[in-house]
Amino acid sequence: YMGIYSMGIYDYLRYTFWIGMWGGLAIAAFIIVAILCIRYKLSKKRQSIKKNKYADPTALIVSFFHPFCYDMGGGEKVLYKILESIFKNEASLTELLQRNLKVAIYTAAIESPFEILSRVKNRFDIDLPIDKVEFVKLRKGDYIKSERYPTFTLLKQALGSAVVVFEALWNHPADILFDTMGFGWIYPVAKLICPNLKIISYSHYPFISEDMIAKVANRTSDFNNQSQVASSRWKTKIKCMYYWTILLLYKAVGRFADLIMANSTWTFNHFASLWSANHAALRKLYPPCTVKKHMEIPLDSPRKPRVVSLGQFRPEKNHRMQIDILKKILEKGEKYKNVTFVLIGSCRSKEDEERLEEIQDYARSQKVERNVLFKKNLPFNELFEEMKHCMVGIHTTKDEHFGIAVVELLAAGLVTVAHNSAGPKIDIILSLIHI
């Protein structure tokens, strides 16, 4: 009986092995065939768009991956400045490439193209021709929103981005995919499904870095490391393992980009470490800082005892610290009673509106509400007028990747105080010792 029993186990293992092997090969073959079919479909679709829609089979389709192109923050300013530069130099670019450029933006915006470009003009004073920019709507654009994922945010954003870029390229295949959000996770997926695709990345900051892991390992409570995790040793260890896994995966995606541009020395150094395998494709290109009008403000123009802050109402901008600084100034005595902080920023969503309300509530709790003004979504002209009459600029973001707002404050002649880290420290507010 033991011989029969042993033979039965042997047969079972053998059949399981063969079933598993052939099943695995069948699944792999199905995936390969599916990918090849998708690549063929997108190739044909791209040619159809060029021939039927643009009436130019040789056209070069340049698509910008920026689902939140309506947020009107620093990243969006970079996007629209790139487009402005393309259209200003369109004739020379066409001559150089020997192909006509067709520009599209992948967007999750519900607003019409006219509404979006009107906001661009209003916020950044950038005027773009509406007939030359095509907005490709994404139904799943919010799959990369961090607010959508309260837990395992980085992993779910990475998976969500694969879905978003698949939808984007399926709707409108491109020759060049220009990622102006720095979402590296989309690169391998895009290269896999879209034949002969070139990827250009303009990255504002790394998706994950060893700095972030060190912060978690040191059990430092922050907006991306909740206090219940920081206070627990075993939760911290689990989160560090999770972060290291994400980091190792993130290091692999950089090799799929054909050109990587970093917006500051701080960002460049991080990517040089993270994506060292593709170091030859890495460049440093500072973001556009349109300060000609700011520099026309006379340094001796009449100014009020006001401190201005520019930045979206997001957790990392640390507006609560500005309220704390104001309180300490007011506590210094009667001499400073007229000091006013002006917090200017944009609200992208309901969550941002709620954060603004929280900051306003905090100002009231600190009894400084009479000395602080909150101004959201100001048009460029009103923002400029406010800066003309302020004495000091403040920027409290730690590890700000570059800091366009800091450059604008300096150019407007304001005494500017920024967090002693990253972009402002390395590239903008230089020590007198190094000048």
Protein backbone atom coordinates (compact mmCIF):
# COMPACT_ATOMS: atom_id res chain seq x y z
CA TYR A 1 0.00 0.00 0.00
CA MET A 2 2.85 2.41 0.74
CA GLY A 3 4.20 1.92 -2.82
CA ILE A 4 0.82 2.76 -4.37
CA TYR A 5 0.41 5.69 -2.00
CA SER A 6 3.88 7.04 -2.86
CA MET A 7 3.22 6.64 -6.59
CA GLY A 8 -0.01 8.62 -6.17
CA ILE A 9 1.84 11.54 -4.57
CA TYR A 10 4.51 11.44 -7.29
CA ASP A 11 1.90 11.49 -10.05
CA TYR A 12 0.05 14.33 -8.32
CA LEU A 13 3.21 16.46 -8.08
CA ARG A 14 4.18 15.67 -11.66
CA TYR A 15 0.75 16.60 -13.04
CA THR A 16 0.66 19.74 -10.89
CA PHE A 17 4.06 20.78 -12.25
CA TRP A 18 3.06 20.28 -15.88
CA ILE A 19 -0.31 21.97 -15.44
CA GLY A 20 1.37 24.90 -13.70
CA MET A 21 4.08 25.17 -16.34
CA TRP A 22 1.71 24.98 -19.33
CA GLY A 23 -0.77 27.24 -17.59
CA GLY A 24 1.97 29.80 -16.93
CA LEU A 25 3.15 29.60 -20.54
CA ALA A 26 -0.42 30.06 -21.76
CA ILE A 27 -0.89 33.15 -19.58
CA ALA A 28 2.49 34.56 -20.71
CA ALA A 29 1.59 33.91 -24.36
CA PHE A 30 -1.78 35.60 -23.88
CA ILE A 31 -0.13 38.67 -22.33
CA ILE A 32 2.47 38.88 -25.13
CA VAL A 33 -0.18 38.56 -27.83
CA ALA A 34 -2.36 41.15 -26.07
CA ILE A 35 0.55 43.61 -25.88
CA LEU A 36 1.42 43.06 -29.55
CA CYS A 37 -2.22 43.61 -30.52
CA ILE A 38 -2.35 46.83 -28.47
CA ARG A 39 0.89 48.07 -30.05
CA TYR A 40 -0.45 47.33 -33.53
CA LYS A 41 -3.76 49.03 -32.74
CA LEU A 42 -2.07 52.18 -31.37
CA SER A 43 0.32 52.34 -34.31
CA LYS A 44 -2.58 52.22 -36.77
CA LYS A 45 -4.61 54.66 -34.71
CA ARG A 46 -1.73 57.16 -34.60
CA GLN A 47 -1.38 57.03 -38.37
CA SER A 48 -5.15 57.41 -38.79
CA ILE A 49 -5.17 60.53 -36.60
CA LYS A 50 -2.34 62.07 -38.61
CA LYS A 51 -3.96 61.25 -41.94
CA ASN A 52 -7.63 61.94 -41.23
CA LYS A 53 -7.57 64.51 -38.43
CA TYR A 54 -4.45 66.51 -39.21
CA ALA A 55 -4.31 65.79 -42.96
CA ASP A 56 -0.56 65.36 -42.53
CA PRO A 57 0.81 61.78 -42.36
CA THR A 58 4.25 63.09 -41.36
CA ALA A 59 3.02 65.21 -38.43
CA LEU A 60 4.80 64.87 -35.07
CA ILE A 61 2.33 64.40 -32.20
CA VAL A 62 3.68 65.77 -28.92
CA SER A 63 1.39 64.94 -26.00
CA PHE A 64 1.85 66.37 -22.51
CA PHE A 65 0.98 64.15 -19.56
CA HIS A 66 -0.47 66.59 -17.05
CA PRO A 67 -3.91 65.43 -15.83
CA PHE A 68 -4.15 68.31 -13.35
CA CYS A 69 -3.30 71.06 -15.85
CA TYR A 70 -6.06 73.21 -14.30
CA ASP A 71 -4.47 73.47 -10.81
CA MET A 72 -2.50 76.63 -11.72
CA GLY A 73 0.47 75.99 -9.44
CA GLY A 74 4.20 76.02 -10.18
CA GLY A 75 4.07 72.76 -12.13
CA GLU A 76 1.34 74.12 -14.36
CA LYS A 77 3.32 77.30 -14.98
CA VAL A 78 6.15 75.12 -16.30
CA LEU A 79 3.73 73.27 -18.60
CA TYR A 80 2.25 76.41 -20.13
CA LYS A 81 5.62 78.14 -20.46
CA ILE A 82 6.87 75.15 -22.45
CA LEU A 83 3.83 75.42 -24.71
CA GLU A 84 4.33 79.17 -25.08
CA SER A 85 7.94 78.56 -26.10
CA ILE A 86 6.91 75.88 -28.62
CA PHE A 87 4.37 78.15 -30.31
CA LYS A 88 6.73 81.13 -30.35
CA ASN A 89 9.38 79.03 -32.08
CA GLU A 90 7.04 76.81 -34.09
CA ALA A 91 8.41 77.85 -37.49
CA SER A 92 12.04 77.15 -36.58
CA LEU A 93 11.10 73.87 -34.86
CA THR A 94 9.19 72.73 -37.96
CA GLU A 95 12.16 73.60 -40.13
CA LEU A 96 14.55 71.80 -37.80
CA LEU A 97 12.44 68.64 -37.48
CA GLN A 98 11.08 68.74 -41.03
CA ARG A 99 7.71 67.87 -39.52
CA ASN A 100 4.67 69.82 -38.35
CA LEU A 101 4.05 69.77 -34.59
CA LYS A 102 0.66 68.83 -33.20
CA VAL A 103 0.27 69.46 -29.48
CA ALA A 104 -2.11 67.76 -27.05
CA ILE A 105 -2.55 67.75 -23.26
CA TYR A 106 -3.93 64.75 -21.40
CA THR A 107 -6.24 66.23 -18.79
CA ALA A 108 -8.81 65.24 -16.19
CA ALA A 109 -10.30 68.75 -16.26
CA ILE A 110 -14.06 69.13 -16.59
CA GLU A 111 -13.63 72.72 -17.80
CA SER A 112 -13.63 73.57 -21.49
CA PRO A 113 -10.35 74.42 -23.29
CA PHE A 114 -11.46 78.07 -23.39
CA GLU A 115 -12.00 78.12 -19.61
CA ILE A 116 -8.63 76.48 -18.92
CA LEU A 117 -6.65 78.80 -21.19
CA SER A 118 -8.52 81.81 -19.78
CA ARG A 119 -7.36 80.77 -16.31
CA VAL A 120 -3.82 80.40 -17.64
CA LYS A 121 -3.92 83.95 -18.96
CA ASN A 122 -5.49 85.24 -15.75
CA ARG A 123 -3.10 83.43 -13.39
CA PHE A 124 0.22 83.41 -15.26
CA ASP A 125 -0.22 86.12 -17.89
CA ILE A 126 0.49 83.48 -20.57
CA ASP A 127 -1.57 83.76 -23.76
CA LEU A 128 -1.88 80.52 -25.76
CA PRO A 129 -3.69 80.04 -29.08
CA ILE A 130 -6.75 77.89 -28.42
CA ASP A 131 -6.73 76.43 -31.93
CA LYS A 132 -3.27 74.93 -31.46
CA VAL A 133 -3.78 73.08 -28.17
CA GLU A 134 -5.90 69.95 -28.05
CA PHE A 135 -7.14 68.78 -24.65
CA VAL A 136 -7.62 65.00 -24.47
CA LYS A 137 -10.09 64.17 -21.71
CA LEU A 138 -9.26 61.45 -19.20
CA ARG A 139 -12.07 59.80 -17.28
CA LYS A 140 -9.66 58.07 -14.91
CA GLY A 141 -7.32 61.02 -14.31
CA ASP A 142 -8.03 61.10 -10.58
CA TYR A 143 -6.51 57.61 -10.23
CA ILE A 144 -3.17 59.31 -9.50
CA LYS A 145 -4.53 61.68 -6.85
CA SER A 146 -2.93 61.01 -3.48
CA GLU A 147 -6.14 62.05 -1.70
CA ARG A 148 -7.85 59.03 -3.24
CA TYR A 149 -5.64 56.62 -1.30
CA PRO A 150 -5.42 57.17 2.48
CA THR A 151 -3.35 53.99 2.89
CA PHE A 152 -0.53 52.55 0.74
CA THR A 153 -0.67 55.83 -1.16
CA LEU A 154 2.55 55.47 -3.16
CA LEU A 155 1.81 51.93 -4.34
CA LYS A 156 -1.76 52.73 -5.36
CA GLN A 157 -0.69 55.92 -7.12
CA ALA A 158 1.89 53.92 -9.08
CA LEU A 159 -0.71 51.34 -10.14
CA GLY A 160 -3.25 54.08 -10.85
CA SER A 161 -0.81 55.93 -13.09
CA ALA A 162 -0.47 52.83 -15.29
CA VAL A 163 -4.24 52.89 -15.85
CA VAL A 164 -4.21 56.63 -16.59
CA VAL A 165 -1.37 56.53 -19.15
CA PHE A 166 -2.97 53.53 -20.86
CA GLU A 167 -6.22 55.49 -21.24
CA ALA A 168 -4.29 58.56 -22.44
CA LEU A 169 -2.36 56.76 -25.17
CA TRP A 170 -5.36 54.67 -26.17
CA ASN A 171 -7.41 57.83 -26.72
CA HIS A 172 -4.64 59.78 -28.43
CA PRO A 173 -1.39 57.95 -29.34
CA ALA A 174 1.70 60.14 -29.45
CA ASP A 175 5.15 60.23 -31.03
CA ILE A 176 6.59 62.06 -28.03
CA LEU A 177 5.19 61.78 -24.53
CA PHE A 178 6.23 64.83 -22.50
CA ASP A 179 5.67 64.18 -18.80
CA THR A 180 5.56 67.50 -16.97
CA MET A 181 4.43 65.98 -13.67
CA GLY A 182 7.45 63.72 -13.17
CA PHE A 183 5.34 60.56 -12.85
CA GLY A 184 8.05 58.02 -13.63
CA TRP A 185 5.78 55.01 -13.17
CA ILE A 186 4.12 55.68 -16.52
CA TYR A 187 7.33 55.30 -18.55
CA PRO A 188 7.62 51.48 -18.78
CA VAL A 189 3.89 51.12 -19.48
CA ALA A 190 3.97 53.80 -22.19
CA LYS A 191 7.04 52.28 -23.87
CA LEU A 192 5.47 48.82 -23.70
CA ILE A 193 2.19 49.66 -25.42
CA CYS A 194 3.11 52.47 -27.82
CA PRO A 195 5.66 51.62 -30.55
CA ASN A 196 8.59 53.98 -31.25
CA LEU A 197 7.48 56.33 -28.46
CA LYS A 198 10.01 58.83 -27.11
CA ILE A 199 9.61 59.99 -23.50
CA ILE A 200 10.73 63.36 -22.19
CA SER A 201 10.44 64.00 -18.46
CA TYR A 202 10.47 67.32 -16.65
CA SER A 203 10.57 66.31 -13.00
CA HIS A 204 9.94 68.64 -10.09
CA TYR A 205 10.80 66.14 -7.36
CA PRO A 206 11.39 62.40 -6.91
CA PHE A 207 8.32 60.28 -6.22
CA ILE A 208 10.23 58.70 -3.34
CA SER A 209 13.71 59.24 -1.96
CA GLU A 210 16.03 58.01 0.75
CA ASP A 211 15.33 61.28 2.59
CA MET A 212 11.70 60.22 2.96
CA ILE A 213 12.74 56.80 4.26
CA ALA A 214 15.19 58.38 6.73
CA LYS A 215 12.40 60.58 8.05
CA VAL A 216 10.23 57.51 8.64
CA ALA A 217 13.13 55.54 10.16
CA ASN A 218 13.85 58.42 12.56
CA ARG A 219 10.15 58.34 13.52
CA THR A 220 9.63 61.97 12.56
CA SER A 221 5.95 62.89 12.42
CA ASP A 222 5.05 64.85 9.28
CA PHE A 223 2.25 65.31 6.74
CA ASN A 224 3.32 62.07 5.01
CA ASN A 225 4.19 60.16 8.19
CA GLN A 226 1.28 60.10 10.57
CA SER A 227 1.88 60.32 14.32
CA GLN A 228 0.37 56.87 14.99
CA VAL A 229 3.03 55.39 12.70
CA ALA A 230 5.88 57.54 14.05
CA SER A 231 5.00 56.56 17.63
CA SER A 232 5.06 52.82 16.91
CA ARG A 233 8.33 50.92 16.43
CA TRP A 234 6.85 47.97 14.55
CA LYS A 235 4.67 50.18 12.29
CA THR A 236 7.76 52.22 11.48
CA LYS A 237 9.71 49.07 10.51
CA ILE A 238 6.88 47.86 8.28
CA LYS A 239 6.59 51.28 6.59
CA CYS A 240 10.36 51.40 6.02
CA MET A 241 10.23 47.96 4.33
CA TYR A 242 7.31 49.17 2.20
CA TYR A 243 9.17 52.37 1.25
CA TRP A 244 12.37 50.50 0.35
CA THR A 245 10.38 48.20 -1.93
CA ILE A 246 8.81 51.18 -3.70
CA LEU A 247 12.23 52.84 -3.94
CA LEU A 248 13.83 49.82 -5.61
CA LEU A 249 10.99 49.66 -8.15
CA TYR A 250 11.21 53.41 -8.75
CA LYS A 251 14.94 53.14 -9.50
CA ALA A 252 14.09 50.83 -12.40
CA VAL A 253 11.57 53.07 -14.18
CA GLY A 254 14.01 55.91 -14.93
CA ARG A 255 15.85 53.90 -17.57
CA PHE A 256 12.75 54.07 -19.83
CA ALA A 257 12.96 57.87 -20.29
CA ASP A 258 14.87 59.26 -23.27
CA LEU A 259 15.48 62.66 -21.69
CA ILE A 260 15.11 63.64 -18.02
CA MET A 261 15.17 67.26 -16.92
CA ALA A 262 15.34 68.18 -13.24
CA ASN A 263 14.13 71.56 -12.03
CA SER A 264 16.89 72.27 -9.50
CA THR A 265 20.26 71.16 -8.17
CA TRP A 266 18.51 69.39 -5.28
CA THR A 267 16.23 67.46 -7.64
CA PHE A 268 19.09 66.75 -10.05
CA ASN A 269 21.22 65.25 -7.28
CA HIS A 270 18.38 63.01 -6.16
CA PHE A 271 17.73 61.72 -9.67
CA ALA A 272 21.45 61.27 -10.30
CA SER A 273 21.39 58.86 -7.36
CA LEU A 274 18.03 57.21 -8.06
CA TRP A 275 18.30 56.88 -11.84
CA SER A 276 22.07 56.49 -12.13
CA ALA A 277 21.57 53.79 -14.80
CA ASN A 278 20.22 56.51 -17.10
CA HIS A 279 22.55 59.30 -15.99
CA ALA A 280 23.45 60.23 -19.59
CA ALA A 281 19.85 61.32 -20.19
CA LEU A 282 19.74 63.57 -17.12
CA ARG A 283 19.88 67.37 -17.40
CA LYS A 284 19.26 70.31 -15.08
CA LEU A 285 16.83 72.95 -16.33
CA TYR A 286 15.52 75.59 -13.97
CA PRO A 287 11.79 76.34 -14.24
CA PRO A 288 10.58 79.51 -15.96
CA CYS A 289 10.60 82.53 -13.68
CA THR A 290 8.90 85.43 -15.44
CA VAL A 291 10.11 88.31 -13.31
CA LYS A 292 10.60 91.16 -15.78
CA LYS A 293 7.49 92.95 -14.51
CA HIS A 294 8.45 92.26 -10.88
CA MET A 295 11.84 93.88 -11.35
CA GLU A 296 10.21 97.09 -12.58
CA ILE A 297 9.00 97.76 -9.02
CA PRO A 298 11.28 100.48 -7.53
CA LEU A 299 13.14 99.29 -4.43
CA ASP A 300 12.24 102.54 -2.67
CA SER A 301 8.52 102.31 -3.50
CA PRO A 302 6.14 102.91 -0.56
CA ARG A 303 5.56 99.67 1.31
CA LYS A 304 3.40 98.61 4.23
CA PRO A 305 4.45 96.46 7.21
CA ARG A 306 3.19 93.37 5.43
CA VAL A 307 4.66 89.91 5.04
CA VAL A 308 3.44 88.02 1.97
CA SER A 309 3.41 84.29 1.32
CA LEU A 310 2.81 82.70 -2.09
CA GLY A 311 1.88 79.03 -2.38
CA GLN A 312 -0.95 76.59 -2.86
CA PHE A 313 -2.86 75.69 0.27
CA ARG A 314 -1.27 72.27 0.65
CA PRO A 315 0.10 70.56 3.80
CA GLU A 316 3.76 70.76 2.75
CA LYS A 317 3.57 74.56 2.40
CA ASN A 318 3.35 74.71 6.20
CA HIS A 319 1.10 77.75 6.57
CA ARG A 320 0.58 76.95 10.25
CA MET A 321 4.23 77.85 10.87
CA GLN A 322 3.57 81.26 9.34
CA ILE A 323 0.75 81.81 11.81
CA ASP A 324 3.10 80.83 14.65
CA ILE A 325 5.73 83.28 13.38
CA LEU A 326 3.13 86.06 13.22
CA LYS A 327 2.08 85.35 16.80
CA LYS A 328 5.68 85.61 18.02
CA ILE A 329 6.14 88.92 16.18
CA LEU A 330 2.98 90.38 17.73
CA GLU A 331 4.11 89.25 21.19
CA LYS A 332 7.19 91.47 20.87
CA GLY A 333 5.16 94.51 21.76
CA GLU A 334 3.21 97.57 20.60
CA LYS A 335 5.81 98.41 17.96
CA TYR A 336 4.71 95.43 15.85
CA LYS A 337 0.94 95.67 16.27
CA ASN A 338 0.38 96.69 12.63
CA VAL A 339 2.35 93.81 11.09
CA THR A 340 0.08 91.87 8.76
CA PHE A 341 0.65 88.52 7.07
CA VAL A 342 -0.93 88.10 3.64
CA LEU A 343 -1.30 84.43 2.69
CA ILE A 344 -1.91 84.17 -1.03
CA GLY A 345 -2.53 80.79 -2.62
CA SER A 346 -4.70 78.67 -4.85
CA CYS A 347 -7.19 75.96 -3.94
CA ARG A 348 -7.27 73.03 -6.36
CA SER A 349 -10.00 70.99 -4.74
CA LYS A 350 -12.44 70.55 -1.89
CA GLU A 351 -9.57 69.20 0.24
CA ASP A 352 -7.60 72.41 -0.33
CA GLU A 353 -10.65 74.49 0.63
CA GLU A 354 -10.92 72.50 3.85
CA ARG A 355 -7.21 73.05 4.59
CA LEU A 356 -7.66 76.79 4.08
CA GLU A 357 -10.53 76.76 6.58
CA GLU A 358 -8.34 74.84 9.04
CA ILE A 359 -5.59 77.46 8.74
CA GLN A 360 -8.14 80.24 9.25
CA ASP A 361 -9.48 78.43 12.33
CA TYR A 362 -5.92 78.05 13.62
CA ALA A 363 -5.31 81.79 13.18
CA ARG A 364 -8.44 82.48 15.23
CA SER A 365 -7.35 80.01 17.92
CA GLN A 366 -4.01 81.87 18.18
CA LYS A 367 -5.90 85.19 18.34
CA VAL A 368 -4.05 86.71 15.37
CA GLU A 369 -6.92 86.76 12.89
CA ARG A 370 -6.94 90.58 12.78
CA ASN A 371 -3.38 90.57 11.49
CA VAL A 372 -3.68 87.95 8.77
CA LEU A 373 -5.35 88.13 5.37
CA PHE A 374 -6.19 85.08 3.27
CA LYS A 375 -6.45 85.61 -0.48
CA LYS A 376 -7.13 82.64 -2.72
CA ASN A 377 -6.92 82.24 -6.50
CA LEU A 378 -5.82 85.82 -7.13
CA PRO A 379 -5.46 86.95 -10.76
CA PHE A 380 -1.92 87.90 -11.80
CA ASN A 381 -2.60 91.66 -11.72
CA GLU A 382 -4.01 91.58 -8.17
CA LEU A 383 -1.17 89.34 -7.01
CA PHE A 384 1.35 91.76 -8.52
CA GLU A 385 -0.28 94.76 -6.84
CA GLU A 386 -0.18 93.01 -3.46
CA MET A 387 3.54 92.27 -3.83
CA LYS A 388 4.25 95.92 -4.70
CA HIS A 389 3.13 97.04 -1.26
CA CYS A 390 4.68 94.36 0.96
CA MET A 391 8.04 94.57 2.73
CA VAL A 392 8.87 90.93 3.38
CA GLY A 393 8.28 87.61 1.62
CA ILE A 394 8.14 84.32 3.48
CA HIS A 395 8.31 80.69 2.29
CA THR A 396 8.10 77.97 4.95
CA THR A 397 8.14 74.80 2.82
CA LYS A 398 10.83 72.38 3.91
CA ASP A 399 12.77 70.78 1.04
CA GLU A 400 11.08 72.94 -1.60
CA HIS A 401 12.33 71.46 -4.84
CA PHE A 402 13.06 74.80 -6.48
CA GLY A 403 10.81 77.68 -5.41
CA ILE A 404 9.47 79.88 -8.19
CA ALA A 405 7.61 81.93 -5.57
CA VAL A 406 10.90 82.69 -3.79
CA VAL A 407 12.41 84.04 -7.03
CA GLU A 408 9.33 86.20 -7.64
CA LEU A 409 9.48 87.63 -4.09
CA LEU A 410 13.15 88.52 -4.47
CA ALA A 411 12.60 90.06 -7.90
CA ALA A 412 9.82 92.25 -6.49
CA GLY A 413 12.33 93.73 -4.03
CA LEU A 414 11.04 92.01 -0.90
CA VAL A 415 13.32 90.91 1.92
CA THR A 416 12.76 87.18 1.49
CA VAL A 417 12.96 84.53 4.20
CA ALA A 418 12.77 80.88 3.14
CA HIS A 419 13.34 77.51 4.76
CA ASN A 420 17.06 76.71 4.83
CA SER A 421 16.85 73.62 2.64
CA ALA A 422 16.75 72.26 -0.94
CA GLY A 423 16.05 74.69 -3.82
CA PRO A 424 15.95 78.04 -1.97
CA LYS A 425 19.14 77.19 -0.07
CA ILE A 426 21.18 75.74 -2.96
CA ASP A 427 19.98 77.67 -6.02
CA ILE A 428 18.24 80.89 -4.98
CA ILE A 429 19.05 82.56 -1.66
CA LEU A 430 22.83 82.21 -1.70
CA SER A 431 25.01 82.88 1.29
CA LEU A 432 27.13 86.05 1.00
CA ILE A 433 30.16 83.86 1.63
CA HIS A 434 29.60 82.15 -1.73
CA ILE A 435 28.84 85.25 -3.79
